[in-house]
């Protein structure tokens, strides 16, 4: 394969071309010398922004047990359930295994 030299993108017109290992890289379309290209300005690093989030989590709140008892009694729910006893009319076969 032939040595085409370095590949360039013209800074003026955007044409892609090879310099064919010539000392000056001149664009074949617009004739601008690539050595005269303006230097790229250095980009400044953006400052990172940190947002402070206010945490309003206060942990577990104590619930007044007297208020719970009143609700349970009004709905007819008893708090004295034995472990392993079916709480309603569901049978053990109705539960997903």
N, C-alpha and C. Protein backbone atom coordinates (compact mmCIF):
# COMPACT_ATOMS: atom_id res chain seq x y z
N UNK A 1 0.86 -1.18 0.00
CA UNK A 1 0.00 0.00 0.00
C UNK A 1 0.90 1.24 0.00
N UNK A 2 0.49 2.22 -0.70
CA UNK A 2 1.28 3.45 -0.84
C UNK A 2 1.23 4.27 0.44
N UNK A 3 2.33 4.98 0.72
CA UNK A 3 2.39 5.85 1.88
C UNK A 3 1.79 7.20 1.51
N UNK A 4 0.62 7.49 2.07
CA UNK A 4 -0.08 8.73 1.74
C UNK A 4 0.29 9.87 2.68
N UNK A 5 1.02 9.59 3.71
CA UNK A 5 1.39 10.64 4.65
C UNK A 5 0.38 10.76 5.78
N UNK A 6 0.36 11.90 6.37
CA UNK A 6 -0.54 12.16 7.50
C UNK A 6 -1.89 12.64 7.01
N UNK A 7 -2.94 12.17 7.68
CA UNK A 7 -4.29 12.59 7.34
C UNK A 7 -4.62 13.87 8.10
N UNK A 8 -5.20 14.84 7.39
CA UNK A 8 -5.53 16.13 7.98
C UNK A 8 -7.01 16.44 7.79
N UNK A 9 -7.53 17.27 8.67
CA UNK A 9 -8.84 17.91 8.52
C UNK A 9 -8.56 19.40 8.43
N UNK A 10 -8.95 20.02 7.34
CA UNK A 10 -8.69 21.44 7.15
C UNK A 10 -9.43 22.25 8.21
N UNK A 11 -8.71 23.15 8.86
CA UNK A 11 -9.34 23.98 9.89
C UNK A 11 -10.25 25.03 9.29
N UNK A 12 -10.05 25.34 8.03
CA UNK A 12 -10.82 26.40 7.39
C UNK A 12 -12.12 25.88 6.76
N UNK A 13 -11.99 24.84 5.92
CA UNK A 13 -13.18 24.36 5.21
C UNK A 13 -13.65 22.98 5.65
N UNK A 14 -12.84 22.25 6.42
CA UNK A 14 -13.26 20.96 6.94
C UNK A 14 -12.99 19.79 6.01
N UNK A 15 -12.30 20.01 4.91
CA UNK A 15 -11.99 18.94 3.97
C UNK A 15 -10.96 17.99 4.58
N UNK A 16 -11.16 16.68 4.34
CA UNK A 16 -10.19 15.69 4.79
C UNK A 16 -9.24 15.41 3.64
N UNK A 17 -7.94 15.37 3.96
CA UNK A 17 -6.95 15.12 2.91
C UNK A 17 -5.68 14.56 3.53
N UNK A 18 -4.81 13.98 2.67
CA UNK A 18 -3.49 13.49 3.07
C UNK A 18 -2.44 14.48 2.56
N UNK A 19 -1.34 14.59 3.31
CA UNK A 19 -0.30 15.54 2.91
C UNK A 19 0.75 14.92 1.98
N UNK A 20 0.69 13.63 1.66
CA UNK A 20 1.61 12.92 0.79
C UNK A 20 3.06 13.12 1.21
N UNK A 21 3.29 13.17 2.51
CA UNK A 21 4.61 13.36 3.15
C UNK A 21 5.33 14.63 2.69
N UNK A 22 4.60 15.64 2.26
CA UNK A 22 5.19 16.94 1.91
C UNK A 22 5.45 17.72 3.19
N UNK A 23 6.41 18.63 3.18
CA UNK A 23 6.72 19.39 4.39
C UNK A 23 5.59 20.34 4.82
N UNK A 24 4.83 20.85 3.88
CA UNK A 24 3.72 21.76 4.20
C UNK A 24 2.41 21.05 3.88
N UNK A 25 1.48 21.05 4.83
CA UNK A 25 0.16 20.47 4.61
C UNK A 25 -0.76 21.57 4.14
N UNK A 26 -1.01 21.59 2.83
CA UNK A 26 -1.86 22.62 2.23
C UNK A 26 -3.13 21.96 1.74
N UNK A 27 -4.27 22.54 2.12
CA UNK A 27 -5.57 22.00 1.74
C UNK A 27 -5.75 22.10 0.24
N UNK A 28 -6.14 21.00 -0.43
CA UNK A 28 -6.33 21.04 -1.88
C UNK A 28 -7.58 21.81 -2.30
N UNK A 29 -8.51 21.99 -1.39
CA UNK A 29 -9.77 22.65 -1.74
C UNK A 29 -9.68 24.17 -1.57
N UNK A 30 -9.20 24.63 -0.41
CA UNK A 30 -9.19 26.08 -0.16
C UNK A 30 -7.78 26.67 -0.15
N UNK A 31 -6.73 25.85 -0.11
CA UNK A 31 -5.36 26.33 -0.19
C UNK A 31 -4.79 26.85 1.12
N UNK A 32 -5.44 26.61 2.24
CA UNK A 32 -4.92 27.12 3.50
C UNK A 32 -3.87 26.16 4.06
N UNK A 33 -2.81 26.76 4.61
CA UNK A 33 -1.73 25.98 5.20
C UNK A 33 -2.17 25.55 6.60
N UNK A 34 -2.04 24.26 6.90
CA UNK A 34 -2.51 23.74 8.18
C UNK A 34 -1.59 24.12 9.34
N UNK A 35 -0.39 24.54 9.03
CA UNK A 35 0.52 25.00 10.09
C UNK A 35 0.08 26.35 10.65
N UNK A 36 -0.73 27.09 9.88
CA UNK A 36 -1.24 28.39 10.31
C UNK A 36 -2.56 28.28 11.07
N UNK A 37 -2.95 27.07 11.39
CA UNK A 37 -4.23 26.86 12.09
C UNK A 37 -4.18 27.52 13.46
N UNK A 38 -5.26 28.16 13.86
CA UNK A 38 -5.29 28.76 15.19
C UNK A 38 -5.22 27.66 16.26
N UNK A 39 -4.51 27.94 17.32
CA UNK A 39 -4.39 26.95 18.39
C UNK A 39 -5.73 26.81 19.11
N UNK A 40 -5.98 25.62 19.56
CA UNK A 40 -7.23 25.37 20.27
C UNK A 40 -7.13 25.97 21.66
N UNK A 41 -8.12 26.72 22.06
CA UNK A 41 -8.08 27.27 23.42
C UNK A 41 -8.25 26.15 24.44
N UNK A 42 -7.48 26.24 25.49
CA UNK A 42 -7.59 25.24 26.53
C UNK A 42 -8.91 25.41 27.25
N UNK A 43 -9.56 24.30 27.46
CA UNK A 43 -10.83 24.36 28.17
C UNK A 43 -10.56 24.41 29.66
N UNK A 44 -11.33 25.22 30.33
CA UNK A 44 -11.20 25.31 31.77
C UNK A 44 -12.06 24.23 32.40
N UNK A 45 -11.58 23.70 33.50
CA UNK A 45 -12.34 22.67 34.19
C UNK A 45 -13.53 23.32 34.89
N UNK A 46 -14.66 22.68 34.73
CA UNK A 46 -15.86 23.19 35.39
C UNK A 46 -15.81 22.83 36.86
N UNK A 47 -16.27 23.76 37.66
CA UNK A 47 -16.31 23.54 39.09
C UNK A 47 -17.48 22.62 39.42
N UNK A 48 -17.20 21.62 40.22
CA UNK A 48 -18.25 20.68 40.59
C UNK A 48 -19.17 21.33 41.61
N UNK A 49 -20.44 21.13 41.40
CA UNK A 49 -21.45 21.69 42.29
C UNK A 49 -21.97 20.57 43.18
N UNK A 50 -21.95 20.80 44.47
CA UNK A 50 -22.43 19.81 45.42
C UNK A 50 -23.71 20.36 46.04
N UNK A 51 -24.77 19.61 45.90
CA UNK A 51 -26.04 20.03 46.48
C UNK A 51 -26.21 19.39 47.85
N UNK A 52 -26.55 20.19 48.81
CA UNK A 52 -26.80 19.70 50.16
C UNK A 52 -28.27 19.33 50.26
N UNK A 53 -28.53 18.11 50.67
CA UNK A 53 -29.91 17.64 50.82
C UNK A 53 -30.21 17.57 52.30
N UNK A 54 -31.29 18.22 52.67
CA UNK A 54 -31.68 18.20 54.07
C UNK A 54 -32.43 16.89 54.33
N UNK A 55 -31.98 16.18 55.33
CA UNK A 55 -32.59 14.91 55.67
C UNK A 55 -33.61 15.14 56.77
N UNK A 56 -34.87 14.89 56.47
CA UNK A 56 -35.91 15.10 57.46
C UNK A 56 -36.37 13.78 58.09
N UNK A 57 -35.57 12.72 57.91
CA UNK A 57 -35.90 11.44 58.51
C UNK A 57 -35.61 11.52 60.00
N UNK A 58 -36.60 11.18 60.81
CA UNK A 58 -36.43 11.29 62.25
C UNK A 58 -36.45 9.93 62.93
N UNK A 59 -36.32 8.86 62.19
CA UNK A 59 -36.31 7.54 62.80
C UNK A 59 -37.73 7.05 63.05
N UNK A 60 -37.82 6.01 63.86
CA UNK A 60 -39.14 5.46 64.17
C UNK A 60 -39.86 6.37 65.16
N UNK A 61 -41.09 6.67 64.84
CA UNK A 61 -41.86 7.51 65.74
C UNK A 61 -42.65 6.62 66.69
N UNK A 62 -42.75 7.07 67.91
CA UNK A 62 -43.51 6.29 68.88
C UNK A 62 -45.00 6.48 68.60
N UNK A 63 -45.71 5.37 68.59
CA UNK A 63 -47.15 5.41 68.32
C UNK A 63 -47.86 5.20 69.65
N UNK A 64 -48.87 6.01 69.86
CA UNK A 64 -49.65 5.91 71.09
C UNK A 64 -50.43 4.59 71.04
N UNK A 65 -50.11 3.68 71.93
CA UNK A 65 -50.76 2.37 71.91
C UNK A 65 -52.23 2.47 72.31
N UNK A 66 -52.59 3.48 73.06
CA UNK A 66 -53.99 3.65 73.44
C UNK A 66 -54.86 3.97 72.23
N UNK A 67 -54.34 4.71 71.29
CA UNK A 67 -55.11 5.04 70.09
C UNK A 67 -55.29 3.80 69.23
N UNK A 68 -54.27 2.93 69.20
CA UNK A 68 -54.39 1.70 68.42
C UNK A 68 -55.47 0.80 69.00
N UNK A 69 -55.49 0.67 70.31
CA UNK A 69 -56.47 -0.20 70.94
C UNK A 69 -57.89 0.26 70.62
N UNK A 70 -58.08 1.55 70.58
CA UNK A 70 -59.42 2.06 70.28
C UNK A 70 -59.84 1.72 68.86
N UNK A 71 -58.93 1.81 67.92
CA UNK A 71 -59.26 1.47 66.53
C UNK A 71 -59.52 -0.02 66.38
N UNK A 72 -58.70 -0.83 67.04
CA UNK A 72 -58.87 -2.28 66.92
C UNK A 72 -60.21 -2.70 67.51
N UNK A 73 -60.57 -2.09 68.61
CA UNK A 73 -61.84 -2.43 69.23
C UNK A 73 -63.01 -1.99 68.37
N UNK A 74 -62.90 -0.83 67.72
CA UNK A 74 -63.99 -0.34 66.90
C UNK A 74 -64.20 -1.20 65.66
N UNK A 75 -63.14 -1.83 65.17
CA UNK A 75 -63.27 -2.71 64.01
C UNK A 75 -63.50 -4.16 64.43
N UNK A 76 -63.47 -4.45 65.70
CA UNK A 76 -63.71 -5.81 66.18
C UNK A 76 -62.50 -6.71 66.01
N UNK A 77 -61.31 -6.13 66.05
CA UNK A 77 -60.09 -6.91 65.88
C UNK A 77 -59.51 -7.15 67.26
N UNK A 78 -59.21 -8.38 67.54
CA UNK A 78 -58.58 -8.66 68.82
C UNK A 78 -57.08 -8.79 68.62
N UNK A 79 -56.33 -8.34 69.60
CA UNK A 79 -54.88 -8.33 69.52
C UNK A 79 -54.29 -9.63 70.07
N UNK A 80 -55.12 -10.53 70.59
CA UNK A 80 -54.64 -11.76 71.22
C UNK A 80 -54.71 -12.91 70.22
N UNK A 81 -53.89 -12.87 69.19
CA UNK A 81 -53.85 -13.96 68.21
C UNK A 81 -52.76 -14.93 68.63
N UNK A 82 -53.06 -16.18 68.56
CA UNK A 82 -52.07 -17.20 68.90
C UNK A 82 -51.21 -17.46 67.67
N UNK A 83 -49.99 -17.83 67.90
CA UNK A 83 -49.06 -18.11 66.82
C UNK A 83 -49.48 -19.38 66.10
N UNK A 84 -49.56 -19.33 64.77
CA UNK A 84 -49.92 -20.51 63.98
C UNK A 84 -51.41 -20.68 63.79
N UNK A 85 -52.23 -19.78 64.32
CA UNK A 85 -53.67 -19.89 64.18
C UNK A 85 -54.09 -19.05 62.99
N UNK A 86 -54.98 -19.60 62.18
CA UNK A 86 -55.47 -18.91 61.00
C UNK A 86 -56.32 -17.72 61.44
N UNK A 87 -56.01 -16.48 61.01
CA UNK A 87 -56.71 -15.31 61.52
C UNK A 87 -58.11 -15.10 60.94
N UNK A 88 -58.50 -15.83 59.94
CA UNK A 88 -59.82 -15.58 59.36
C UNK A 88 -60.39 -16.85 58.80
N UNK A 89 -61.18 -16.68 57.75
CA UNK A 89 -61.81 -17.84 57.16
C UNK A 89 -60.92 -18.48 56.09
N UNK A 90 -59.69 -18.05 55.98
CA UNK A 90 -58.76 -18.68 55.03
C UNK A 90 -58.27 -19.99 55.58
N UNK A 91 -58.13 -20.93 54.70
CA UNK A 91 -57.59 -22.23 55.10
C UNK A 91 -56.12 -22.26 54.67
N UNK A 92 -55.37 -23.15 55.25
CA UNK A 92 -53.96 -23.24 54.94
C UNK A 92 -53.73 -23.56 53.47
N UNK A 93 -54.69 -24.18 52.80
CA UNK A 93 -54.55 -24.50 51.37
C UNK A 93 -54.64 -23.26 50.50
N UNK A 94 -55.24 -22.19 51.03
CA UNK A 94 -55.42 -20.95 50.25
C UNK A 94 -54.12 -20.14 50.14
N UNK A 95 -53.16 -20.38 51.01
CA UNK A 95 -51.92 -19.63 50.97
C UNK A 95 -51.02 -20.13 49.85
N UNK A 96 -50.29 -19.22 49.25
CA UNK A 96 -49.33 -19.61 48.21
C UNK A 96 -48.14 -20.28 48.88
N UNK A 97 -47.67 -21.34 48.27
CA UNK A 97 -46.53 -22.03 48.86
C UNK A 97 -45.26 -21.54 48.24
